[in-house]
């Protein structure tokens, strides 16, 4: 039952952040940045295009984390089905998959909120 709820959360999170129009970025647009580059882009963002670029970056991160979370959810279910109380190890292999699943969901939620924030800022900057 718990696995069904967790799988539903992954799907709900994927759709809650809004529609995704393309799963891949255009060839001329680089959406992978170092943390220093992201901080610089955030600091220097003033135009609608810069805000849109940040929103696209965070949408890409959200998709990546949702994909990783779904992979960990299936790994968690696989590991959970193969454990008996007699052969259980400590820490249990399911703990790692469960913890990674939760981490990826939290990161996806953060990326979704950042994408929404920068998308809103792009709309506000375009309205000016």
N, C-alpha and C. Protein backbone atom coordinates (compact mmCIF):
# COMPACT_ATOMS: atom_id res chain seq x y z
N UNK A 1 0.83 -1.19 0.00
CA UNK A 1 0.00 0.00 0.00
C UNK A 1 0.87 1.26 0.00
N UNK A 2 1.90 1.24 0.84
CA UNK A 2 2.79 2.40 0.95
C UNK A 2 3.51 2.65 -0.38
N UNK A 3 3.90 1.58 -1.07
CA UNK A 3 4.58 1.74 -2.35
C UNK A 3 3.66 2.38 -3.38
N UNK A 4 2.37 2.02 -3.34
CA UNK A 4 1.42 2.62 -4.26
C UNK A 4 1.28 4.11 -4.00
N UNK A 5 1.25 4.49 -2.74
CA UNK A 5 1.13 5.90 -2.38
C UNK A 5 2.37 6.66 -2.84
N UNK A 6 3.54 6.07 -2.63
CA UNK A 6 4.78 6.73 -3.02
C UNK A 6 4.88 6.85 -4.54
N UNK A 7 4.47 5.82 -5.26
CA UNK A 7 4.49 5.90 -6.72
C UNK A 7 3.52 6.98 -7.20
N UNK A 8 2.38 7.09 -6.54
CA UNK A 8 1.41 8.13 -6.89
C UNK A 8 2.00 9.51 -6.65
N UNK A 9 2.76 9.69 -5.54
CA UNK A 9 3.38 10.97 -5.24
C UNK A 9 4.36 11.38 -6.34
N UNK A 10 5.10 10.43 -6.87
CA UNK A 10 6.05 10.74 -7.95
C UNK A 10 5.30 11.24 -9.18
N UNK A 11 4.24 10.54 -9.53
CA UNK A 11 3.47 10.94 -10.71
C UNK A 11 2.79 12.28 -10.47
N UNK A 12 2.23 12.46 -9.26
CA UNK A 12 1.56 13.72 -8.94
C UNK A 12 2.54 14.88 -8.98
N UNK A 13 3.74 14.67 -8.46
CA UNK A 13 4.75 15.72 -8.46
C UNK A 13 5.15 16.07 -9.89
N UNK A 14 5.21 15.08 -10.74
CA UNK A 14 5.60 15.33 -12.13
C UNK A 14 4.56 16.21 -12.83
N UNK A 15 3.28 16.01 -12.52
CA UNK A 15 2.24 16.78 -13.18
C UNK A 15 1.90 18.07 -12.45
N UNK A 16 2.20 18.14 -11.16
CA UNK A 16 1.84 19.33 -10.38
C UNK A 16 2.68 20.54 -10.76
N UNK A 17 3.85 20.32 -11.25
CA UNK A 17 4.74 21.44 -11.55
C UNK A 17 4.41 22.10 -12.89
N UNK A 18 3.41 21.63 -13.57
CA UNK A 18 3.00 22.25 -14.82
C UNK A 18 3.40 21.43 -16.01
N UNK A 19 2.90 21.81 -17.17
CA UNK A 19 3.19 21.03 -18.37
C UNK A 19 4.65 21.16 -18.80
N UNK A 20 5.14 20.10 -19.34
CA UNK A 20 6.49 20.14 -19.90
C UNK A 20 6.35 20.04 -21.40
N UNK A 21 6.83 21.03 -22.10
CA UNK A 21 6.62 21.10 -23.53
C UNK A 21 7.65 20.31 -24.31
N UNK A 22 8.85 20.21 -23.78
CA UNK A 22 9.88 19.44 -24.48
C UNK A 22 10.74 18.74 -23.44
N UNK A 23 11.09 17.50 -23.71
CA UNK A 23 11.91 16.78 -22.75
C UNK A 23 13.38 17.06 -22.95
N UNK A 24 13.74 17.58 -24.09
CA UNK A 24 15.14 17.92 -24.32
C UNK A 24 15.24 19.40 -24.66
N UNK A 25 16.36 19.97 -24.31
CA UNK A 25 16.60 21.38 -24.58
C UNK A 25 17.06 21.54 -26.02
N UNK A 26 16.81 22.71 -26.59
CA UNK A 26 17.34 22.97 -27.93
C UNK A 26 18.86 22.86 -27.92
N UNK A 27 19.41 22.54 -29.07
CA UNK A 27 20.86 22.33 -29.18
C UNK A 27 21.66 23.56 -28.77
N UNK A 28 21.14 24.74 -29.08
CA UNK A 28 21.90 25.96 -28.82
C UNK A 28 21.75 26.46 -27.38
N UNK A 29 20.96 25.79 -26.58
CA UNK A 29 20.72 26.26 -25.21
C UNK A 29 21.34 25.28 -24.22
N UNK A 30 22.26 25.76 -23.42
CA UNK A 30 22.94 24.94 -22.44
C UNK A 30 22.19 25.04 -21.11
N UNK A 31 21.72 23.91 -20.59
CA UNK A 31 20.94 23.91 -19.36
C UNK A 31 21.68 23.23 -18.21
N UNK A 32 22.95 22.96 -18.37
CA UNK A 32 23.75 22.38 -17.30
C UNK A 32 24.79 23.41 -16.89
N UNK A 33 24.69 23.85 -15.65
CA UNK A 33 25.59 24.88 -15.14
C UNK A 33 26.19 24.43 -13.82
N UNK A 34 27.36 24.97 -13.49
CA UNK A 34 27.93 24.72 -12.18
C UNK A 34 27.17 25.57 -11.16
N UNK A 35 27.35 25.28 -9.90
CA UNK A 35 26.64 26.05 -8.87
C UNK A 35 27.07 27.51 -8.89
N UNK A 36 28.32 27.77 -9.22
CA UNK A 36 28.80 29.15 -9.31
C UNK A 36 28.10 29.87 -10.47
N UNK A 37 27.98 29.20 -11.59
CA UNK A 37 27.31 29.81 -12.74
C UNK A 37 25.84 30.08 -12.44
N UNK A 38 25.18 29.17 -11.73
CA UNK A 38 23.77 29.38 -11.38
C UNK A 38 23.63 30.60 -10.48
N UNK A 39 24.50 30.70 -9.47
CA UNK A 39 24.44 31.88 -8.59
C UNK A 39 24.67 33.17 -9.37
N UNK A 40 25.61 33.15 -10.31
CA UNK A 40 25.86 34.34 -11.13
C UNK A 40 24.65 34.68 -11.99
N UNK A 41 24.04 33.66 -12.58
CA UNK A 41 22.85 33.91 -13.41
C UNK A 41 21.70 34.46 -12.58
N UNK A 42 21.54 33.95 -11.37
CA UNK A 42 20.49 34.46 -10.49
C UNK A 42 20.77 35.91 -10.12
N UNK A 43 22.02 36.19 -9.79
CA UNK A 43 22.40 37.54 -9.41
C UNK A 43 22.24 38.53 -10.56
N UNK A 44 22.57 38.10 -11.79
CA UNK A 44 22.56 39.00 -12.93
C UNK A 44 21.24 39.05 -13.69
N UNK A 45 20.29 38.20 -13.31
CA UNK A 45 19.03 38.13 -14.07
C UNK A 45 18.23 39.42 -13.92
N UNK A 46 17.88 40.01 -15.06
CA UNK A 46 17.08 41.24 -15.09
C UNK A 46 16.03 41.20 -16.20
N UNK A 47 16.32 40.46 -17.27
CA UNK A 47 15.44 40.46 -18.44
C UNK A 47 14.53 39.22 -18.43
N UNK A 48 13.44 39.29 -19.18
CA UNK A 48 12.56 38.11 -19.25
C UNK A 48 13.28 36.87 -19.79
N UNK A 49 14.19 37.08 -20.74
CA UNK A 49 14.90 35.93 -21.30
C UNK A 49 15.81 35.28 -20.24
N UNK A 50 16.47 36.09 -19.42
CA UNK A 50 17.33 35.53 -18.38
C UNK A 50 16.50 34.76 -17.35
N UNK A 51 15.35 35.32 -16.97
CA UNK A 51 14.47 34.62 -16.02
C UNK A 51 13.93 33.34 -16.65
N UNK A 52 13.59 33.37 -17.93
CA UNK A 52 13.09 32.18 -18.61
C UNK A 52 14.17 31.10 -18.69
N UNK A 53 15.40 31.53 -18.89
CA UNK A 53 16.51 30.58 -18.93
C UNK A 53 16.67 29.89 -17.58
N UNK A 54 16.55 30.65 -16.50
CA UNK A 54 16.61 30.06 -15.17
C UNK A 54 15.43 29.11 -14.93
N UNK A 55 14.24 29.52 -15.37
CA UNK A 55 13.07 28.66 -15.21
C UNK A 55 13.25 27.35 -15.98
N UNK A 56 13.80 27.42 -17.20
CA UNK A 56 14.05 26.22 -17.99
C UNK A 56 15.09 25.32 -17.31
N UNK A 57 16.12 25.94 -16.75
CA UNK A 57 17.13 25.18 -16.03
C UNK A 57 16.51 24.41 -14.87
N UNK A 58 15.66 25.07 -14.09
CA UNK A 58 15.05 24.40 -12.95
C UNK A 58 14.00 23.37 -13.38
N UNK A 59 13.32 23.59 -14.51
CA UNK A 59 12.40 22.57 -15.02
C UNK A 59 13.17 21.32 -15.43
N UNK A 60 14.32 21.51 -16.03
CA UNK A 60 15.16 20.38 -16.41
C UNK A 60 15.62 19.62 -15.18
N UNK A 61 16.03 20.36 -14.16
CA UNK A 61 16.43 19.72 -12.90
C UNK A 61 15.27 18.96 -12.28
N UNK A 62 14.06 19.55 -12.32
CA UNK A 62 12.89 18.88 -11.75
C UNK A 62 12.64 17.56 -12.48
N UNK A 63 12.68 17.59 -13.81
CA UNK A 63 12.46 16.37 -14.58
C UNK A 63 13.51 15.31 -14.24
N UNK A 64 14.75 15.73 -14.09
CA UNK A 64 15.83 14.80 -13.76
C UNK A 64 15.58 14.17 -12.40
N UNK A 65 15.21 14.98 -11.41
CA UNK A 65 14.99 14.45 -10.07
C UNK A 65 13.74 13.58 -10.00
N UNK A 66 12.70 13.90 -10.75
CA UNK A 66 11.51 13.05 -10.77
C UNK A 66 11.86 11.70 -11.40
N UNK A 67 12.66 11.72 -12.46
CA UNK A 67 13.09 10.46 -13.09
C UNK A 67 13.90 9.63 -12.11
N UNK A 68 14.85 10.28 -11.42
CA UNK A 68 15.67 9.55 -10.45
C UNK A 68 14.83 9.02 -9.29
N UNK A 69 13.83 9.80 -8.85
CA UNK A 69 12.96 9.34 -7.77
C UNK A 69 12.16 8.12 -8.19
N UNK A 70 11.67 8.11 -9.42
CA UNK A 70 10.90 6.95 -9.87
C UNK A 70 11.80 5.72 -9.99
N UNK A 71 13.05 5.92 -10.39
CA UNK A 71 13.99 4.80 -10.44
C UNK A 71 14.25 4.26 -9.04
N UNK A 72 14.42 5.14 -8.07
CA UNK A 72 14.66 4.70 -6.70
C UNK A 72 13.41 4.06 -6.09
N UNK A 73 12.22 4.53 -6.48
CA UNK A 73 10.99 3.91 -5.97
C UNK A 73 10.90 2.46 -6.45
N UNK A 74 11.24 2.23 -7.71
CA UNK A 74 11.20 0.85 -8.21
C UNK A 74 12.30 0.01 -7.56
N UNK A 75 13.46 0.61 -7.33
CA UNK A 75 14.54 -0.11 -6.65
C UNK A 75 14.15 -0.42 -5.21
N UNK A 76 13.49 0.52 -4.55
CA UNK A 76 13.02 0.32 -3.19
C UNK A 76 12.04 -0.84 -3.13
N UNK A 77 11.09 -0.87 -4.06
CA UNK A 77 10.11 -1.95 -4.11
C UNK A 77 10.79 -3.29 -4.38
N UNK A 78 11.78 -3.29 -5.28
CA UNK A 78 12.50 -4.53 -5.59
C UNK A 78 13.24 -5.03 -4.36
N UNK A 79 13.94 -4.14 -3.68
CA UNK A 79 14.71 -4.55 -2.50
C UNK A 79 13.79 -4.98 -1.35
N UNK A 80 12.67 -4.31 -1.22
CA UNK A 80 11.75 -4.61 -0.12
C UNK A 80 11.13 -5.99 -0.29
N UNK A 81 10.89 -6.40 -1.53
CA UNK A 81 10.26 -7.69 -1.76
C UNK A 81 11.20 -8.86 -1.48
N UNK A 82 12.50 -8.61 -1.48
CA UNK A 82 13.46 -9.70 -1.30
C UNK A 82 14.02 -9.84 0.09
N UNK A 83 13.45 -9.16 1.07
CA UNK A 83 14.01 -9.20 2.42
C UNK A 83 13.10 -10.02 3.33
N UNK A 84 13.74 -10.90 4.06
CA UNK A 84 13.01 -11.62 5.10
C UNK A 84 13.61 -11.21 6.44
N UNK A 85 12.87 -11.34 7.53
CA UNK A 85 13.41 -10.94 8.84
C UNK A 85 14.67 -11.70 9.21
N UNK A 86 14.83 -12.90 8.71
CA UNK A 86 15.99 -13.71 9.05
C UNK A 86 17.24 -13.19 8.36
N UNK A 87 17.12 -12.79 7.10
CA UNK A 87 18.29 -12.37 6.33
C UNK A 87 18.51 -10.86 6.32
N UNK A 88 17.80 -10.15 7.18
CA UNK A 88 17.88 -8.69 7.16
C UNK A 88 19.24 -8.21 7.65
N UNK A 89 19.79 -7.26 6.93
CA UNK A 89 21.08 -6.64 7.28
C UNK A 89 20.81 -5.31 7.96
N UNK A 90 21.84 -4.75 8.57
CA UNK A 90 21.71 -3.41 9.11
C UNK A 90 22.88 -2.59 8.64
N UNK A 91 22.70 -1.45 8.05
CA UNK A 91 21.42 -0.88 7.63
C UNK A 91 20.84 -1.67 6.47
N UNK A 92 19.56 -1.74 6.44
CA UNK A 92 18.87 -2.51 5.42
C UNK A 92 19.07 -1.86 4.05
N UNK A 93 19.23 -2.66 3.00
CA UNK A 93 19.38 -2.09 1.65
C UNK A 93 18.18 -1.23 1.24
N UNK A 94 17.03 -1.52 1.83
CA UNK A 94 15.85 -0.71 1.49
C UNK A 94 15.98 0.71 2.03
N UNK A 95 16.73 0.87 3.12
CA UNK A 95 16.88 2.20 3.71
C UNK A 95 17.56 3.16 2.73
N UNK A 96 18.59 2.69 2.06
CA UNK A 96 19.30 3.54 1.11
C UNK A 96 18.38 3.97 -0.03
N UNK A 97 17.64 3.02 -0.59
CA UNK A 97 16.73 3.35 -1.69
C UNK A 97 15.62 4.29 -1.22
N UNK A 98 15.08 4.04 -0.02
CA UNK A 98 14.03 4.90 0.51
C UNK A 98 14.56 6.32 0.76
N UNK A 99 15.75 6.42 1.33
CA UNK A 99 16.33 7.73 1.60
C UNK A 99 16.64 8.49 0.31
N UNK A 100 17.17 7.80 -0.68
CA UNK A 100 17.43 8.45 -1.97
C UNK A 100 16.13 8.89 -2.63
N UNK A 101 15.11 8.06 -2.53
CA UNK A 101 13.80 8.40 -3.09
C UNK A 101 13.28 9.70 -2.46
N UNK A 102 13.33 9.78 -1.13
CA UNK A 102 12.88 10.99 -0.45
C UNK A 102 13.72 12.21 -0.82
N UNK A 103 15.03 12.03 -0.91
CA UNK A 103 15.92 13.12 -1.28
C UNK A 103 15.58 13.64 -2.67
N UNK A 104 15.41 12.73 -3.64
CA UNK A 104 15.11 13.15 -5.00
C UNK A 104 13.76 13.85 -5.09
N UNK A 105 12.78 13.39 -4.31
CA UNK A 105 11.48 14.06 -4.30
C UNK A 105 11.59 15.48 -3.74
N UNK A 106 12.36 15.63 -2.67
CA UNK A 106 12.54 16.98 -2.09
C UNK A 106 13.26 17.90 -3.07
N UNK A 107 14.28 17.39 -3.74
CA UNK A 107 15.01 18.20 -4.71
C UNK A 107 14.12 18.56 -5.90
N UNK A 108 13.27 17.63 -6.32
CA UNK A 108 12.34 17.91 -7.42
C UNK A 108 11.35 18.99 -7.02
N UNK A 109 10.88 18.94 -5.78
CA UNK A 109 9.94 19.96 -5.30
C UNK A 109 10.61 21.33 -5.24
N UNK A 110 11.86 21.37 -4.77
CA UNK A 110 12.59 22.65 -4.74
C UNK A 110 12.79 23.20 -6.15
N UNK A 111 13.17 22.32 -7.06
CA UNK A 111 13.39 22.76 -8.44
C UNK A 111 12.08 23.25 -9.06
N UNK A 112 10.98 22.59 -8.76
CA UNK A 112 9.68 23.01 -9.29
C UNK A 112 9.29 24.38 -8.75
N UNK A 113 9.53 24.62 -7.46
CA UNK A 113 9.19 25.93 -6.90
C UNK A 113 10.09 27.02 -7.48
N UNK A 114 11.38 26.71 -7.69
CA UNK A 114 12.27 27.69 -8.31
C UNK A 114 11.87 27.96 -9.76
N UNK A 115 11.47 26.92 -10.48
CA UNK A 115 11.03 27.11 -11.87
C UNK A 115 9.79 28.00 -11.92
N UNK A 116 8.85 27.76 -11.01
CA UNK A 116 7.64 28.58 -10.97
C UNK A 116 7.98 30.03 -10.61
N UNK A 117 8.91 30.19 -9.68
CA UNK A 117 9.32 31.53 -9.26
C UNK A 117 9.93 32.32 -10.42
N UNK A 118 10.87 31.69 -11.13
CA UNK A 118 11.54 32.40 -12.22
C UNK A 118 10.62 32.57 -13.43
N UNK A 119 9.71 31.67 -13.60
CA UNK A 119 8.72 31.83 -14.67
C UNK A 119 7.82 33.03 -14.37
N UNK A 120 7.42 33.17 -13.11
CA UNK A 120 6.62 34.31 -12.69
C UNK A 120 7.41 35.61 -12.85
N UNK A 121 8.68 35.59 -12.47
CA UNK A 121 9.51 36.78 -12.63
C UNK A 121 9.70 37.15 -14.10
N UNK A 122 9.79 36.13 -14.97
CA UNK A 122 9.91 36.40 -16.41
C UNK A 122 8.63 37.05 -16.92
N UNK A 123 7.48 36.58 -16.46
CA UNK A 123 6.21 37.17 -16.88
C UNK A 123 6.09 38.61 -16.39
N UNK A 124 6.51 38.85 -15.14
CA UNK A 124 6.45 40.22 -14.60
C UNK A 124 7.40 41.16 -15.34
N UNK A 125 8.60 40.66 -15.67
CA UNK A 125 9.57 41.49 -16.38
C UNK A 125 9.09 41.77 -17.81
N UNK A 126 8.40 40.82 -18.42
CA UNK A 126 7.90 41.03 -19.77
C UNK A 126 6.73 42.02 -19.77
N UNK A 127 5.99 42.08 -18.67
CA UNK A 127 4.85 42.97 -18.59
C UNK A 127 5.27 44.44 -18.42
N UNK A 128 6.48 44.65 -17.97
CA UNK A 128 6.96 46.02 -17.77
C UNK A 128 7.30 46.70 -19.05
